[in-house]
Amino acid sequence: MDFALNEQQALLRDSAYAFLNERFPLEALQALAVGGPVPDLWDELSELGWSGLLVPEEHGGSGGDFIDAVLVLEALGYAAVPSPFAQSAVVGTGLIAALGTPEQQAQWLPALAKGELIVTPALAEATGEFSPESMSARGGPDETLSGTKLFVKDADRAGLLLCAVQRRGAPWLVAVPAQNVACTAMDTLSRERLFEVDLGDRVLEEKYWLGDGCADGAGLRKAVALGALARAAELVGLAQRVLDICIEHVSVREQSGRPIGTFQALQHSAADMLRNVEGARGIMWRAAWGMANAAQSAELDVAMAKAYASEACFEVVRRGHQLMGAIGYCEEHPMHILHKRIQAAALDYGDAAWHLDRVADGLGLVAAP
């Protein structure tokens, strides 16, 4: 693959960073870190066309691909701005565009493109796993739908929730209208807006089941892959922000009459941080390229990217605290909220260990007896 961006992609990346730097600067992140209001930039993001980035042109979108999406996701991660972009414009839109029936696409994609409809996936439950055996939520077309989903982002403002439920021993995906569920806010260290969702005991018509229900589990695998790719891109952006903050600090902080960045030990730490950021970025772009081109190894590439980015970016912020010293642990400094966001993103849509298991399965590795 060619890592060079074309003119349109470079413009998208640069405009994304410029907009977010203006509307959500470092001072806004600091205010959020100490309990300030959570900003809502969704209408502005939609006006920029980001909400319809993956929506086909025939449904009013930009007709972009996952390389375009990860450029925006990385910028959003860098700014650490809360928004429904990942779950709605990437995961939700990607699932409906790939798996939805023509009627479902015609109904939902135009509204998604305009940002008038927000879709959020509701996959995880108490165990945090994605196997049918771990799901208590159950239902089927014209059958009673019941269960509880956890860690659902922006569930209170979503119009549809794409829920994974067990039916006949396999995970199915169903688009549940928001008015049919009850949402309870969950406490989070990362200040992300997560909810517990009670699906109630309602019967949903067949038109709400995504495509043919994806009874072979393909829908759930697709949802996890899209979410893992989105979170890997956000992790790269978050880690890049940590690195930039640390480089600025060691360039101006003086000890013994010279900047501490001139000390070799700190230079070695900064070099390790840079290696981890660029390594995570490279493997994440490879996964995005695979998803954009429907490569046979796309899901395996995503698993590799999420596993590597989860560990490498956590190592970046750990080193960052060491370079920053005491100030990096103060609540008034943004480093601690970046740390919490990295930790949350690393766990979301499967942690490093879970994705490494997927990589082992994909490579045909078998555990020793």
Protein backbone atom coordinates (compact mmCIF):
# COMPACT_ATOMS: atom_id res chain seq x y z
CA MET A 1 0.00 0.00 0.00
CA ASP A 2 1.01 3.64 -0.58
CA PHE A 3 1.15 5.64 2.67
CA ALA A 4 1.15 8.97 0.80
CA LEU A 5 -2.16 10.85 1.00
CA ASN A 6 -3.74 12.20 -2.15
CA GLU A 7 -4.71 15.86 -2.43
CA GLN A 8 -8.27 15.35 -1.18
CA GLN A 9 -7.17 13.26 1.79
CA ALA A 10 -4.50 15.77 2.79
CA LEU A 11 -7.08 18.56 2.60
CA LEU A 12 -9.50 16.56 4.76
CA ARG A 13 -6.81 15.87 7.37
CA ASP A 14 -5.57 19.47 7.49
CA SER A 15 -9.06 20.96 7.66
CA ALA A 16 -10.01 18.53 10.44
CA TYR A 17 -7.05 19.52 12.60
CA ALA A 18 -7.59 23.24 11.88
CA PHE A 19 -11.28 23.12 12.79
CA LEU A 20 -10.79 21.09 15.97
CA ASN A 21 -7.86 23.22 17.11
CA GLU A 22 -10.08 26.29 16.80
CA ARG A 23 -13.26 24.86 18.33
CA PHE A 24 -11.73 22.57 20.95
CA PRO A 25 -8.28 23.85 21.94
CA LEU A 26 -6.16 22.49 24.77
CA GLU A 27 -7.80 24.89 27.22
CA ALA A 28 -11.21 23.33 26.50
CA LEU A 29 -9.78 19.89 27.20
CA GLN A 30 -8.39 21.10 30.50
CA ALA A 31 -11.80 22.50 31.45
CA LEU A 32 -13.43 19.18 30.56
CA ALA A 33 -10.84 17.31 32.63
CA VAL A 34 -11.84 19.16 35.82
CA GLY A 35 -15.57 18.70 35.38
CA GLY A 36 -16.43 21.39 32.86
CA PRO A 37 -19.34 21.03 30.41
CA VAL A 38 -19.08 18.44 27.66
CA PRO A 39 -19.14 20.35 24.35
CA ASP A 40 -21.53 19.40 21.57
CA LEU A 41 -19.97 19.94 18.14
CA TRP A 42 -22.15 17.42 16.28
CA ASP A 43 -24.11 19.98 14.26
CA GLU A 44 -20.89 21.62 13.13
CA LEU A 45 -19.30 18.28 12.27
CA SER A 46 -22.37 17.44 10.21
CA GLU A 47 -22.19 20.78 8.38
CA LEU A 48 -18.63 19.89 7.42
CA GLY A 49 -19.95 16.69 5.86
CA TRP A 50 -18.27 14.35 8.33
CA SER A 51 -21.50 12.64 9.33
CA GLY A 52 -21.96 11.48 5.73
CA LEU A 53 -18.36 10.61 5.03
CA LEU A 54 -19.08 6.90 4.50
CA VAL A 55 -22.58 7.31 3.09
CA PRO A 56 -22.74 6.51 -0.66
CA GLU A 57 -23.36 9.48 -2.94
CA GLU A 58 -26.70 8.12 -4.10
CA HIS A 59 -27.95 8.49 -0.52
CA GLY A 60 -26.64 12.04 -0.08
CA GLY A 61 -23.21 11.32 1.38
CA SER A 62 -19.63 11.89 0.31
CA GLY A 63 -18.95 8.33 -0.81
CA GLY A 64 -15.67 8.25 1.10
CA ASP A 65 -13.86 5.19 2.41
CA PHE A 66 -12.29 4.04 5.65
CA ILE A 67 -9.00 5.80 4.93
CA ASP A 68 -10.93 9.08 4.90
CA ALA A 69 -12.68 8.05 8.10
CA VAL A 70 -9.51 7.26 10.05
CA LEU A 71 -8.02 10.63 9.10
CA VAL A 72 -10.95 12.33 10.83
CA LEU A 73 -10.90 9.85 13.71
CA GLU A 74 -7.21 10.48 14.34
CA ALA A 75 -7.86 14.23 14.43
CA LEU A 76 -10.77 13.72 16.84
CA GLY A 77 -8.54 11.57 19.01
CA TYR A 78 -5.84 14.25 18.97
CA ALA A 79 -8.35 16.84 20.15
CA ALA A 80 -9.96 14.32 22.55
CA VAL A 81 -13.29 15.93 21.70
CA PRO A 82 -16.38 13.91 22.67
CA SER A 83 -18.65 13.26 19.69
CA PRO A 84 -20.86 10.50 18.22
CA PHE A 85 -18.71 10.39 15.07
CA ALA A 86 -17.08 7.00 15.63
CA GLN A 87 -20.22 5.13 16.61
CA SER A 88 -22.66 6.81 14.21
CA ALA A 89 -20.71 7.98 11.15
CA VAL A 90 -18.33 5.01 11.11
CA VAL A 91 -19.73 1.93 12.87
CA GLY A 92 -23.46 2.54 12.43
CA THR A 93 -23.22 3.92 8.92
CA GLY A 94 -20.72 1.26 7.88
CA LEU A 95 -23.01 -1.53 9.07
CA ILE A 96 -26.14 -0.16 7.40
CA ALA A 97 -24.29 0.56 4.15
CA ALA A 98 -22.73 -2.91 4.06
CA LEU A 99 -25.49 -5.11 5.48
CA GLY A 100 -28.76 -3.22 5.33
CA THR A 101 -31.51 -4.03 2.85
CA PRO A 102 -32.16 -1.50 0.06
CA GLU A 103 -35.23 -0.32 2.00
CA GLN A 104 -33.23 0.16 5.21
CA GLN A 105 -30.50 2.04 3.37
CA ALA A 106 -33.01 4.32 1.65
CA GLN A 107 -34.71 5.01 4.98
CA TRP A 108 -31.70 5.62 7.23
CA LEU A 109 -28.65 6.61 5.19
CA PRO A 110 -29.90 10.03 3.96
CA ALA A 111 -30.68 11.06 7.54
CA LEU A 112 -27.30 9.77 8.69
CA ALA A 113 -25.58 11.77 5.95
CA LYS A 114 -27.19 14.99 7.18
CA GLY A 115 -26.49 14.24 10.82
CA GLU A 116 -30.21 14.26 11.57
CA LEU A 117 -30.07 10.64 12.73
CA ILE A 118 -27.49 9.29 15.18
CA VAL A 119 -26.97 5.53 15.33
CA THR A 120 -24.99 3.86 18.08
CA PRO A 121 -24.01 0.18 18.43
CA ALA A 122 -25.06 -1.69 21.56
CA LEU A 123 -22.93 -4.83 21.60
CA ALA A 124 -21.38 -5.45 25.01
CA GLU A 125 -22.93 -6.88 28.15
CA ALA A 126 -21.64 -7.73 31.62
CA THR A 127 -18.78 -9.98 30.46
CA GLY A 128 -17.55 -7.53 27.82
CA GLU A 129 -17.29 -10.42 25.34
CA PHE A 130 -18.91 -10.78 21.95
CA SER A 131 -19.71 -14.49 21.83
CA PRO A 132 -23.36 -15.68 21.57
CA GLU A 133 -22.91 -17.58 24.83
CA SER A 134 -22.13 -14.35 26.68
CA MET A 135 -25.29 -12.56 25.48
CA SER A 136 -28.38 -12.47 27.63
CA ALA A 137 -30.23 -10.23 25.16
CA ARG A 138 -32.55 -12.31 23.00
CA GLY A 139 -35.15 -11.88 20.31
CA GLY A 140 -36.00 -12.26 16.66
CA PRO A 141 -38.29 -10.88 13.95
CA ASP A 142 -41.83 -10.59 15.36
CA GLU A 143 -40.58 -12.08 18.64
CA THR A 144 -40.17 -10.47 22.05
CA LEU A 145 -36.89 -8.59 22.39
CA SER A 146 -35.38 -8.44 25.88
CA GLY A 147 -32.08 -7.91 27.64
CA THR A 148 -29.65 -5.26 28.82
CA LYS A 149 -26.68 -3.76 26.97
CA LEU A 150 -23.82 -1.90 28.67
CA PHE A 151 -21.32 0.82 27.71
CA VAL A 152 -23.55 2.20 24.95
CA LYS A 153 -22.18 5.57 23.81
CA ASP A 154 -24.55 8.52 23.40
CA ALA A 155 -27.57 6.26 23.79
CA ASP A 156 -29.65 9.17 25.10
CA ARG A 157 -29.33 11.13 21.85
CA ALA A 158 -29.36 8.28 19.34
CA GLY A 159 -32.38 7.63 17.13
CA LEU A 160 -31.44 3.99 16.55
CA LEU A 161 -29.44 1.47 18.54
CA LEU A 162 -27.84 -1.38 16.59
CA CYS A 163 -28.12 -4.14 19.16
CA ALA A 164 -26.51 -7.57 19.11
CA VAL A 165 -28.88 -10.21 20.43
CA GLN A 166 -28.81 -13.98 20.56
CA ARG A 167 -31.19 -15.95 18.37
CA ARG A 168 -30.93 -19.66 17.64
CA GLY A 169 -27.43 -19.77 19.09
CA ALA A 170 -26.05 -16.99 16.87
CA PRO A 171 -25.69 -13.20 17.25
CA TRP A 172 -28.10 -11.11 15.19
CA LEU A 173 -28.20 -7.33 14.73
CA VAL A 174 -31.40 -5.36 15.16
CA ALA A 175 -32.01 -1.60 14.82
CA VAL A 176 -33.99 -0.68 17.92
CA PRO A 177 -35.77 2.73 17.89
CA ALA A 178 -34.59 4.83 20.81
CA GLN A 179 -38.11 5.39 22.13
CA ASN A 180 -38.35 1.65 22.79
CA VAL A 181 -35.50 1.53 25.33
CA ALA A 182 -34.67 2.91 28.77
CA CYS A 183 -31.22 4.49 29.24
CA THR A 184 -29.33 4.94 32.50
CA ALA A 185 -26.11 6.97 32.57
CA MET A 186 -22.95 5.16 33.72
CA ASP A 187 -20.12 6.80 35.64
CA THR A 188 -16.85 6.99 33.68
CA LEU A 189 -13.37 8.24 34.48
CA SER A 190 -12.80 9.24 30.86
CA ARG A 191 -15.83 11.60 30.80
CA GLU A 192 -17.22 9.64 27.87
CA ARG A 193 -21.02 9.43 27.75
CA LEU A 194 -21.85 5.75 28.33
CA PHE A 195 -25.22 4.25 29.16
CA GLU A 196 -26.85 1.06 30.34
CA VAL A 197 -29.73 0.26 28.00
CA ASP A 198 -32.73 -1.88 28.93
CA LEU A 199 -34.29 -3.24 25.75
CA GLY A 200 -37.59 -3.87 27.55
CA ASP A 201 -39.94 -6.57 26.43
CA ARG A 202 -41.15 -5.46 23.03
CA VAL A 203 -41.83 -7.08 19.69
CA LEU A 204 -39.95 -5.59 16.72
CA GLU A 205 -41.09 -6.13 13.17
CA GLU A 206 -38.88 -7.82 10.62
CA LYS A 207 -38.06 -4.47 8.96
CA TYR A 208 -35.87 -3.54 11.93
CA TRP A 209 -33.57 -6.58 11.62
CA LEU A 210 -30.44 -5.60 9.77
CA GLY A 211 -30.32 -7.29 6.40
CA ASP A 212 -31.10 -10.97 6.83
CA GLY A 213 -30.22 -10.75 10.50
CA CYS A 214 -26.63 -11.83 9.77
CA ALA A 215 -27.41 -15.11 11.44
CA ASP A 216 -23.93 -16.48 10.85
CA GLY A 217 -22.42 -13.79 13.08
CA ALA A 218 -21.05 -11.76 10.16
CA GLY A 219 -22.89 -8.66 11.34
CA LEU A 220 -21.39 -8.76 14.82
CA ARG A 221 -17.90 -9.44 13.45
CA LYS A 222 -18.29 -6.49 11.10
CA ALA A 223 -19.46 -4.25 13.96
CA VAL A 224 -16.52 -5.21 16.17
CA ALA A 225 -14.06 -4.72 13.30
CA LEU A 226 -15.43 -1.26 12.49
CA GLY A 227 -15.41 -0.23 16.14
CA ALA A 228 -11.92 -1.60 16.76
CA LEU A 229 -10.56 0.26 13.71
CA ALA A 230 -12.20 3.49 14.85
CA ARG A 231 -10.78 3.15 18.35
CA ALA A 232 -7.32 2.31 17.02
CA ALA A 233 -7.37 5.53 14.98
CA GLU A 234 -8.45 7.52 18.04
CA LEU A 235 -5.68 5.89 20.06
CA VAL A 236 -3.09 7.08 17.53
CA GLY A 237 -4.43 10.63 17.72
CA LEU A 238 -4.48 10.59 21.53
CA ALA A 239 -0.92 9.25 21.70
CA GLN A 240 0.29 11.85 19.20
CA ARG A 241 -1.18 14.59 21.43
CA VAL A 242 0.63 13.16 24.45
CA LEU A 243 3.90 13.08 22.49
CA ASP A 244 3.50 16.68 21.30
CA ILE A 245 2.76 17.93 24.83
CA CYS A 246 5.82 16.13 26.17
CA ILE A 247 8.16 17.38 23.42
CA GLU A 248 7.05 20.95 24.05
CA HIS A 249 7.61 20.47 27.80
CA VAL A 250 11.11 19.02 27.60
CA SER A 251 12.08 21.72 25.09
CA VAL A 252 11.35 24.59 27.51
CA ARG A 253 11.71 23.04 30.98
CA GLU A 254 15.24 23.72 32.21
CA GLN A 255 17.42 21.90 34.69
CA SER A 256 21.07 22.70 35.45
CA GLY A 257 20.89 25.64 33.07
CA ARG A 258 19.70 23.78 29.97
CA PRO A 259 16.48 22.26 28.59
CA ILE A 260 15.83 18.80 30.01
CA GLY A 261 15.28 17.59 26.46
CA THR A 262 19.04 17.71 25.94
CA PHE A 263 19.54 14.89 28.45
CA GLN A 264 20.10 11.60 26.67
CA ALA A 265 17.84 9.53 28.91
CA LEU A 266 14.86 11.73 28.07
CA GLN A 267 15.75 11.69 24.40
CA HIS A 268 15.67 7.90 24.48
CA SER A 269 12.20 7.96 26.07
CA ALA A 270 10.94 10.45 23.49
CA ALA A 271 12.34 8.29 20.68
CA ASP A 272 10.54 5.24 22.08
CA MET A 273 7.30 7.22 22.24
CA LEU A 274 7.71 8.35 18.63
CA ARG A 275 8.40 4.76 17.53
CA ASN A 276 5.20 3.56 19.23
CA VAL A 277 3.06 6.32 17.73
CA GLU A 278 4.36 5.82 14.20
CA GLY A 279 4.20 2.04 14.51
CA ALA A 280 0.59 2.20 15.65
CA ARG A 281 -0.24 4.66 12.89
CA GLY A 282 1.28 2.48 10.19
CA ILE A 283 -0.49 -0.70 11.21
CA MET A 284 -3.76 1.22 11.68
CA TRP A 285 -3.54 2.69 8.16
CA ARG A 286 -2.84 -0.79 6.80
CA ALA A 287 -6.03 -2.02 8.46
CA ALA A 288 -8.00 0.96 7.09
CA TRP A 289 -6.67 0.23 3.61
CA GLY A 290 -7.78 -3.38 3.95
CA MET A 291 -11.28 -2.35 5.05
CA ALA A 292 -11.54 0.22 2.25
CA ASN A 293 -10.52 -2.33 -0.36
CA ALA A 294 -12.45 -5.28 1.11
CA ALA A 295 -9.23 -7.23 1.52
CA GLN A 296 -9.60 -10.84 2.59
CA SER A 297 -7.34 -10.19 5.59
CA ALA A 298 -9.16 -6.99 6.64
CA GLU A 299 -10.57 -8.30 9.94
CA LEU A 300 -7.22 -9.87 10.84
CA ASP A 301 -5.45 -6.58 10.02
CA VAL A 302 -7.88 -4.71 12.26
CA ALA A 303 -7.26 -7.14 15.12
CA MET A 304 -3.51 -6.62 14.75
CA ALA A 305 -3.95 -2.84 14.67
CA LYS A 306 -6.19 -2.71 17.73
CA ALA A 307 -3.94 -5.06 19.73
CA TYR A 308 -0.79 -3.12 18.87
CA ALA A 309 -2.28 0.35 19.28
CA SER A 310 -3.84 -0.53 22.64
CA GLU A 311 -0.50 -1.50 24.15
CA ALA A 312 1.80 0.90 22.27
CA CYS A 313 -0.30 3.99 22.95
CA PHE A 314 -0.68 3.10 26.62
CA GLU A 315 3.11 2.86 26.78
CA VAL A 316 3.31 6.32 25.20
CA VAL A 317 1.20 7.93 27.91
CA ARG A 318 3.02 6.01 30.65
CA ARG A 319 6.33 7.38 29.38
CA GLY A 320 4.68 10.76 29.02
CA HIS A 321 3.94 10.93 32.72
CA GLN A 322 7.60 10.21 33.43
CA LEU A 323 8.77 13.00 31.11
CA MET A 324 6.28 15.51 32.52
CA GLY A 325 7.05 14.78 36.15
CA ALA A 326 4.64 15.91 38.86
CA ILE A 327 2.67 18.31 36.66
CA GLY A 328 1.56 15.40 34.48
CA TYR A 329 -0.32 13.92 37.44
CA CYS A 330 -2.18 17.11 38.38
CA GLU A 331 -5.87 17.28 37.59
CA GLU A 332 -5.39 20.75 36.15
CA HIS A 333 -3.12 19.34 33.43
CA PRO A 334 -4.71 17.56 30.41
CA MET A 335 -2.30 14.60 30.60
CA HIS A 336 -4.48 12.68 33.03
CA ILE A 337 -7.64 12.95 30.89
CA LEU A 338 -5.65 11.84 27.83
CA HIS A 339 -4.43 8.87 29.88
CA LYS A 340 -7.99 7.93 30.81
CA ARG A 341 -9.18 8.27 27.22
CA ILE A 342 -6.37 6.01 26.02
CA GLN A 343 -7.23 3.43 28.66
CA ALA A 344 -10.92 3.53 27.71
CA ALA A 345 -10.21 3.26 23.98
CA ALA A 346 -7.82 0.37 24.58
CA LEU A 347 -10.58 -1.63 26.29
CA ASP A 348 -13.40 -0.74 23.90
CA TYR A 349 -14.34 -3.24 21.17
CA GLY A 350 -11.97 -5.80 22.65
CA ASP A 351 -8.72 -5.28 24.53
CA ALA A 352 -5.26 -6.25 23.30
CA ALA A 353 -5.48 -9.81 24.68
CA TRP A 354 -8.86 -10.42 23.02
CA HIS A 355 -7.64 -9.23 19.64
CA LEU A 356 -4.41 -11.20 19.93
CA ASP A 357 -6.58 -14.29 20.32
CA ARG A 358 -8.32 -13.33 17.06
CA VAL A 359 -4.93 -12.93 15.40
CA ALA A 360 -3.86 -16.37 16.65
CA ASP A 361 -7.08 -17.89 15.34
CA GLY A 362 -6.60 -16.20 11.98
CA LEU A 363 -3.08 -17.53 11.69
CA GLY A 364 -4.21 -21.03 12.60
CA LEU A 365 -2.19 -21.14 15.81
CA VAL A 366 -3.24 -23.73 18.39
CA ALA A 367 -2.51 -23.52 22.10
CA ALA A 368 -0.09 -26.12 23.41
CA PRO A 369 -1.80 -29.02 25.22
